[in-house]
Amino acid sequence: MEEKPKPGPGGSRLLQIPGIGRIRHIDRWWGLVALVVVLAVVLVTVRADPFWRILLFVSDGIVITISITVTSFIFILIAGLLGGLGRLSRNWVFRGSSSLYVEIVRGIPLLVQLIWWYFAFPVVIQEVGGWLNLAFMANYQANPIFTAILGLTVCYGAYMSEIYRAGIQSIPKGQIEAARSLGMTHFQSMRHVILPQAIRVMLPPVGNEFISLLKDSSLVSVVAVADLTRRGREFMSTHFNPIEVWTMVALVYLIMTLFSARIVSWIEKKTHFER
């Protein structure tokens, strides 16, 4: 006799189709992403002049914005891990230097840091090179993209350090004790037991940091990086149409941030676990 589907919660019967698993709900916020994309497509279609010309002009700036954001974020994850472990270290030198780094960097605006790295840091290198009589240091010239990545990494690395520290401290101490009782070293327990669990806890704030980084990358335009914002400003200064230019630039940023938010949400659902 064929077995009937069992009643689900609330008495309703779940439809079971052989060979097909449970249908997953699609994130409704993808509709907002689609709506913004449709709006941008309508603008560049209905009014190709100037919206399509603006999009073509800033297209290389979009690539640079994405490249700087992704590259910086990779280094930020590394810097944050080192800073977070340093904050939790039993060695007072590592703990003190990491805490000093976090406290100082968090107290200076990102824009000021970017300007310092681009204008002041090369002068420091040149002075040191002159003092040491090293020509390659004395003639050092700042590279805009390298400086932008360095500034973003140093700034966001401080905030990421706190995320790592909070994530690691959220894991019960019994986990470390159990790992050590199995003969693991402190490094092995961190690598195989603590960090894999902490990463799941940290995913939401880490995702938020990536989205904030994507938006704050617009500040690198002040240090001669031809990103999306700078290219938009160049187009506006030539054609004197601020409404169209900044509407298009805002839509591009919005599409990138909304898409990133949905990807982060998807990763969170994939790695979610019940406590």
Protein backbone atom coordinates (compact mmCIF):
# COMPACT_ATOMS: atom_id res chain seq x y z
CA MET A 1 0.00 0.00 0.00
CA GLU A 2 1.31 3.44 -0.91
CA GLU A 3 2.22 5.50 2.12
CA LYS A 4 0.42 8.81 2.35
CA PRO A 5 2.29 12.02 3.11
CA LYS A 6 2.43 12.75 6.80
CA PRO A 7 0.82 15.92 8.08
CA GLY A 8 3.24 18.79 8.51
CA PRO A 9 3.15 21.50 11.16
CA GLY A 10 -0.35 22.87 11.65
CA GLY A 11 -1.93 19.79 10.09
CA SER A 12 -1.07 20.68 6.48
CA ARG A 13 0.29 18.02 4.16
CA LEU A 14 3.61 18.62 2.43
CA LEU A 15 3.63 17.68 -1.22
CA GLN A 16 6.40 15.14 -1.79
CA ILE A 17 7.54 14.69 -5.36
CA PRO A 18 9.91 11.75 -6.00
CA GLY A 19 13.41 12.88 -6.98
CA ILE A 20 12.83 16.50 -6.00
CA GLY A 21 13.89 17.94 -2.66
CA ARG A 22 12.19 20.64 -0.72
CA ILE A 23 11.81 23.85 -2.73
CA ARG A 24 13.88 26.60 -1.20
CA HIS A 25 12.51 30.06 -0.84
CA ILE A 26 14.14 32.67 -3.02
CA ASP A 27 15.36 35.77 -1.23
CA ARG A 28 12.72 38.40 -1.92
CA TRP A 29 15.31 41.17 -1.80
CA TRP A 30 16.60 39.98 -5.16
CA GLY A 31 13.50 41.76 -6.46
CA LEU A 32 14.97 45.08 -5.32
CA VAL A 33 18.21 44.28 -7.15
CA ALA A 34 16.23 43.49 -10.29
CA LEU A 35 14.18 46.68 -9.92
CA VAL A 36 17.29 48.87 -9.70
CA VAL A 37 18.88 47.08 -12.67
CA VAL A 38 15.69 47.57 -14.72
CA LEU A 39 15.66 51.26 -13.78
CA ALA A 40 19.26 51.65 -14.96
CA VAL A 41 18.49 49.78 -18.21
CA VAL A 42 15.46 52.01 -18.84
CA LEU A 43 17.55 55.14 -18.32
CA VAL A 44 20.33 54.09 -20.69
CA THR A 45 17.76 52.91 -23.25
CA VAL A 46 15.27 55.75 -23.20
CA ARG A 47 17.88 58.47 -22.73
CA ALA A 48 21.03 57.05 -24.24
CA ASP A 49 22.32 60.59 -24.35
CA PRO A 50 23.66 61.23 -21.76
CA PHE A 51 23.13 58.13 -19.55
CA TRP A 52 24.64 55.61 -21.95
CA ARG A 53 27.60 57.90 -22.62
CA ILE A 54 28.08 58.33 -18.87
CA LEU A 55 28.05 54.57 -18.32
CA LEU A 56 30.61 54.00 -21.05
CA PHE A 57 32.82 56.79 -19.70
CA VAL A 58 32.86 55.44 -16.12
CA SER A 59 33.10 51.75 -17.08
CA ASP A 60 36.85 51.63 -16.48
CA GLY A 61 36.28 53.32 -13.12
CA ILE A 62 33.85 50.53 -12.18
CA VAL A 63 36.56 47.94 -12.86
CA ILE A 64 39.07 49.85 -10.73
CA THR A 65 36.55 50.25 -7.90
CA ILE A 66 35.81 46.52 -7.84
CA SER A 67 39.51 45.61 -8.11
CA ILE A 68 40.54 47.88 -5.25
CA THR A 69 37.67 46.69 -3.06
CA VAL A 70 38.31 42.98 -3.58
CA THR A 71 42.11 43.27 -3.26
CA SER A 72 41.86 45.43 -0.15
CA PHE A 73 39.35 43.07 1.43
CA ILE A 74 41.68 40.09 1.03
CA PHE A 75 44.46 41.97 2.84
CA ILE A 76 41.95 43.26 5.41
CA LEU A 77 40.98 39.69 6.31
CA ILE A 78 44.65 38.83 6.86
CA ALA A 79 45.37 42.01 8.84
CA GLY A 80 42.21 41.53 10.89
CA LEU A 81 43.16 37.94 11.74
CA LEU A 82 46.63 38.98 12.88
CA GLY A 83 45.23 41.91 14.85
CA GLY A 84 42.47 39.83 16.44
CA LEU A 85 44.87 37.07 17.51
CA GLY A 86 47.25 39.72 18.76
CA ARG A 87 44.54 41.25 20.92
CA LEU A 88 43.94 37.83 22.49
CA SER A 89 47.60 36.92 22.82
CA ARG A 90 49.08 36.20 26.24
CA ASN A 91 52.26 37.95 25.14
CA TRP A 92 52.01 41.54 26.34
CA VAL A 93 54.09 42.82 23.41
CA PHE A 94 51.71 41.37 20.78
CA ARG A 95 48.64 42.29 22.80
CA GLY A 96 49.82 45.82 23.47
CA SER A 97 50.95 46.57 19.90
CA SER A 98 47.72 45.16 18.44
CA SER A 99 45.59 47.16 20.87
CA LEU A 100 47.59 50.32 20.14
CA TYR A 101 47.12 49.80 16.40
CA VAL A 102 43.36 49.35 16.77
CA GLU A 103 42.87 52.32 19.07
CA ILE A 104 44.94 54.74 16.99
CA VAL A 105 43.59 53.76 13.57
CA ARG A 106 39.95 53.78 14.70
CA GLY A 107 40.38 57.34 15.96
CA ILE A 108 41.42 58.82 12.59
CA PRO A 109 38.93 59.34 9.72
CA LEU A 110 39.51 57.21 6.65
CA LEU A 111 39.78 60.23 4.37
CA VAL A 112 42.56 61.70 6.51
CA GLN A 113 44.38 58.36 6.51
CA LEU A 114 44.22 58.09 2.72
CA ILE A 115 45.57 61.61 2.32
CA TRP A 116 48.39 60.87 4.79
CA TRP A 117 49.43 57.69 3.00
CA TYR A 118 49.45 59.44 -0.38
CA PHE A 119 51.05 62.79 0.50
CA ALA A 120 52.94 62.33 3.79
CA PHE A 121 54.15 58.72 3.66
CA PRO A 122 56.25 59.23 0.45
CA VAL A 123 57.98 62.19 2.10
CA VAL A 124 58.86 60.01 5.09
CA ILE A 125 60.30 57.35 2.76
CA GLN A 126 62.28 59.98 0.87
CA GLU A 127 63.68 61.47 4.08
CA VAL A 128 64.72 58.06 5.37
CA GLY A 129 66.24 57.23 1.97
CA GLY A 130 68.25 60.44 2.01
CA TRP A 131 69.46 59.76 5.54
CA LEU A 132 70.49 56.19 4.63
CA ASN A 133 71.84 57.31 1.24
CA LEU A 134 69.56 54.88 -0.63
CA ALA A 135 68.60 56.23 -4.04
CA PHE A 136 65.52 54.03 -4.56
CA MET A 137 64.03 55.31 -1.30
CA ALA A 138 65.11 58.91 -1.81
CA ASN A 139 63.39 58.97 -5.21
CA TYR A 140 60.27 57.12 -4.08
CA GLN A 141 57.00 58.26 -5.67
CA ALA A 142 53.58 57.15 -4.43
CA ASN A 143 51.53 54.83 -6.62
CA PRO A 144 47.86 55.88 -6.33
CA ILE A 145 46.34 52.39 -6.47
CA PHE A 146 48.91 50.88 -4.11
CA THR A 147 48.41 53.78 -1.71
CA ALA A 148 44.63 53.38 -1.84
CA ILE A 149 44.84 49.64 -1.08
CA LEU A 150 47.32 50.29 1.73
CA GLY A 151 45.16 52.98 3.30
CA LEU A 152 41.97 50.92 3.13
CA THR A 153 43.74 47.84 4.49
CA VAL A 154 45.25 49.66 7.46
CA CYS A 155 41.98 51.40 8.34
CA TYR A 156 39.57 48.51 7.91
CA GLY A 157 42.06 46.03 9.34
CA ALA A 158 41.57 47.67 12.74
CA TYR A 159 37.82 47.19 12.62
CA MET A 160 38.23 43.64 11.30
CA SER A 161 40.54 42.87 14.24
CA GLU A 162 37.70 43.59 16.63
CA ILE A 163 35.35 41.39 14.62
CA TYR A 164 37.82 38.50 14.81
CA ARG A 165 38.37 39.07 18.52
CA ALA A 166 34.64 39.12 19.24
CA GLY A 167 34.05 36.04 17.08
CA ILE A 168 36.79 34.03 18.78
CA GLN A 169 35.64 35.07 22.25
CA SER A 170 32.08 33.98 21.42
CA ILE A 171 33.23 30.35 21.26
CA PRO A 172 32.94 28.63 24.68
CA LYS A 173 36.26 28.09 26.44
CA GLY A 174 35.36 24.44 26.81
CA GLN A 175 36.06 24.03 23.08
CA ILE A 176 39.70 25.04 23.57
CA GLU A 177 40.02 22.88 26.65
CA ALA A 178 38.59 19.88 24.78
CA ALA A 179 40.98 20.44 21.88
CA ARG A 180 43.96 20.73 24.21
CA SER A 181 42.90 17.59 26.04
CA LEU A 182 43.10 15.75 22.71
CA GLY A 183 46.75 16.70 22.44
CA MET A 184 46.39 19.69 20.09
CA THR A 185 48.69 22.67 20.43
CA HIS A 186 47.24 26.15 20.85
CA PHE A 187 47.82 26.84 17.14
CA GLN A 188 46.17 23.57 16.10
CA SER A 189 43.15 24.16 18.33
CA MET A 190 42.73 27.63 16.87
CA ARG A 191 43.07 26.40 13.30
CA HIS A 192 40.93 23.27 13.46
CA VAL A 193 38.42 23.99 16.23
CA ILE A 194 37.99 27.64 17.17
CA LEU A 195 38.38 29.59 13.92
CA PRO A 196 36.02 27.40 11.81
CA GLN A 197 33.27 28.02 14.37
CA ALA A 198 34.16 31.69 14.85
CA ILE A 199 34.04 32.38 11.10
CA ARG A 200 30.38 31.38 11.00
CA VAL A 201 29.63 33.80 13.82
CA MET A 202 31.61 36.56 12.11
CA LEU A 203 30.02 36.26 8.67
CA PRO A 204 27.28 38.91 9.15
CA PRO A 205 29.64 41.68 10.41
CA VAL A 206 32.31 40.68 7.89
CA GLY A 207 29.74 40.97 5.10
CA ASN A 208 28.73 44.39 6.37
CA GLU A 209 32.38 45.45 6.37
CA PHE A 210 32.71 44.43 2.72
CA ILE A 211 29.68 46.50 1.75
CA SER A 212 30.97 49.48 3.75
CA LEU A 213 34.36 49.07 2.10
CA LEU A 214 32.77 49.08 -1.35
CA LYS A 215 31.06 52.39 -0.60
CA ASP A 216 34.06 53.94 1.18
CA SER A 217 36.27 53.06 -1.78
CA SER A 218 34.82 56.19 -3.38
CA LEU A 219 37.14 58.18 -1.07
CA VAL A 220 40.19 56.96 -2.99
CA SER A 221 39.23 59.42 -5.71
CA VAL A 222 40.94 62.13 -3.62
CA VAL A 223 44.32 60.43 -4.06
CA ALA A 224 44.35 60.43 -7.86
CA VAL A 225 42.73 57.00 -8.34
CA ALA A 226 40.48 56.98 -11.41
CA ASP A 227 37.69 55.03 -9.72
CA LEU A 228 33.97 55.29 -10.41
CA THR A 229 33.53 58.48 -8.38
CA ARG A 230 36.49 60.26 -9.93
CA ARG A 231 35.44 59.31 -13.46
CA GLY A 232 31.96 60.64 -12.73
CA ARG A 233 33.44 63.91 -11.52
CA GLU A 234 35.57 64.16 -14.67
CA PHE A 235 32.53 63.66 -16.90
CA MET A 236 30.52 66.25 -14.97
CA SER A 237 33.30 68.83 -15.14
CA THR A 238 33.34 68.45 -18.93
CA HIS A 239 29.61 68.32 -19.70
CA PHE A 240 28.15 70.23 -16.71
CA ASN A 241 25.24 67.82 -16.09
CA PRO A 242 25.44 66.89 -12.37
CA ILE A 243 21.92 65.41 -12.13
CA GLU A 244 22.43 62.81 -14.83
CA VAL A 245 26.02 62.00 -13.84
CA TRP A 246 25.47 61.47 -10.13
CA THR A 247 22.17 59.66 -10.70
CA MET A 248 23.98 57.16 -12.92
CA VAL A 249 26.92 56.83 -10.52
CA ALA A 250 24.55 56.34 -7.57
CA LEU A 251 22.65 53.62 -9.44
CA VAL A 252 25.87 51.76 -10.25
CA TYR A 253 26.98 51.88 -6.60
CA LEU A 254 23.51 50.78 -5.51
CA ILE A 255 23.52 47.80 -7.87
CA MET A 256 26.95 46.69 -6.62
CA THR A 257 26.09 47.05 -2.94
CA LEU A 258 22.68 45.37 -3.23
CA PHE A 259 24.18 42.49 -5.20
CA SER A 260 26.96 42.10 -2.63
CA ALA A 261 24.42 42.11 0.20
CA ARG A 262 22.45 39.31 -1.41
CA ILE A 263 25.60 37.23 -1.95
CA VAL A 264 26.55 37.72 1.70
CA SER A 265 23.03 36.72 2.76
CA TRP A 266 23.25 33.57 0.60
CA ILE A 267 26.60 32.62 2.17
CA GLU A 268 25.17 33.14 5.65
CA LYS A 269 22.27 30.78 4.91
CA LYS A 270 24.63 28.17 3.47
CA THR A 271 26.85 28.22 6.56
CA HIS A 272 24.10 28.67 9.16
CA PHE A 273 24.00 26.18 11.98
CA GLU A 274 21.80 25.75 15.03
CA ARG A 275 23.36 26.12 18.44
